[in-house]
C-alpha cells in the first residue's frame, strides 16, 4: 500500500483566507487600524464638536418663594428673568443660547474669559434688578462653568463630558456664586480681570474622580442696565409681563425619563461611542411612547426625554413606561455590562406650557422632573395625582413609596412606585377609552 506523506497532503489541502496581503505584518495592520480610528475621531470632532465654554445658569433655589405665589406669578417672573439674562448673554457675545424657559439657561462662548465676564454680568445685573423688587420676588442665579468639546449638531447641544461637568459644577454653587472647574481656573490663571478661590473638592454625581471646584470673581464688576437687558431692546418690562397670555397651556400626564449613570459612560468610552448608545435608547423610547399614542414627545437636555398623554389616557403613559423598562431589560440581557443602558422614570400630571414650539417650565413640570430625579436605575416613580387617574388594573401594579419634599418647591408630595417587572403586559388591554378626539401629535426629536 502506497504510503502518504502527511506533510505534503496537509500543504495541498490547507487553504487560507486572508483579508490582508500576506506581506503585511501584524504591526503594520495594527498601525493602520489605529490611524483609521484616529481619523474617525478627528472627523467626529470636526463635524459634530465645538471647543466651547459652557455655562449652566439656574435659579431653582432662590425662586422657591415665587412658586408659593401661584403659577401665573411664577411664569411671569421666569419670563422676565429669561429675557433679561438672555439679553445680557447676547450683549456679552454668547455664540449659543439653548431655547427653553423656566429656571435654567444653558449657553456657550468661544472665549473662556468672555464666559466668566458674562457670568459676572448676569450676577451683577440680577442684583441690580432685585433692588427694585419685593423680597419675595427676587431671583439670583447659581452658575457653573466648564470648557471642552461640546457635541453640537442640528443647532442643539447634546450630551457630552463637557456639559455633564458644567452642570455638576453648577449644582455645587449657591445663589449669587460662580463656580468653575479646575480646568477653567488653570486656563485663566494670571488673567488680571479675575480671581479664582479654591472652594472645595467634590464627589460629583456619576463623575468617577473627585473634582476641585473654584469660585470665580471679577476684579471689576460688569453690569448691564436691567431696563435695557432684554434680548429685544424695544420690548419693555410691562410688555414682557403681558406676553405670558400668548402662551398655550395643556393639562397633561407628563413622563420624564433619564439615563442613570450616563455620565460614567461618557467618561469611560468617550463622546462618540456613548452618543451612539444614547441614540439607540432614544429610538427605543420614542417608539414605545408613540406606539402608546402620546400626544407629545421631545428629547431634552442631555439624554432626558419628556412625553405627554391626555388626562383620559393616563394608562397609556403607564403602559409606555412599563414597555420601555421591559425593552431596555431585554436589550441589556444580550449586551456586555459596559453597553447596557438603564433608565429612571418619573410621572406626574399638571400644566405643560408652550411658547411657540418651545416648552416653558412650570411648577408641575418641575415636580415631574424632581420625581424622575428621585428614581433609581430601573425604577418608575409617580405622584399620587397620577395614581388616582389609573384604572384598577394599573393601580394594582403600584405600591406606596413614601412622601418627599423637593428643593425649590413648596409642599410635600406622596410618591408611588410602579412594579413593572410583575408581568404587567396584560395592562395594555385595559386602556380607558378616550373622551374625545386627540390633539395633533407634537414630536420633537
Foldseek 3Di string as FASTA:
>chain_A
DDDDDVVVVCVVPDDDDDPDDPVDDPVNVVVVVVVVVVVVVVVQCVPFKDFWKKKKKFQLQLLLLQVVVDFLSQLLLFLLLVQLLVLLCVVLPWPAWDDETDGITMTIDRDLVSVVLSVLQSQVQLVVVCVPDDSSSRTFIQMFMETGMFGADPSDTADALGVLVRVQQSVVTDGSWYKYFVVSCVVCPPPVQKDWAWDDWADTFLDPDITTITTMDGPDGDYDHSQQSGNDSVDGSVNSSVCVVLKDKDWWKKKKKDWHSLSNLCVVPNDPVSVVLLVVLVVLLVVLLVVLPWQEWAQDYHSMIMTTHHLLFLLSVVLSVLSSLVVLVVVCVPDPPSSRIWMFMEIETGMWMDDVLHTHDTLRVVVRVQRRVVTDTSWYKYFPRSLVSDDPLQVVQKDWDAKDDDNSHDDITTMIIGNSVPPSNVSVVVGGDDPDDDDHHYYYD
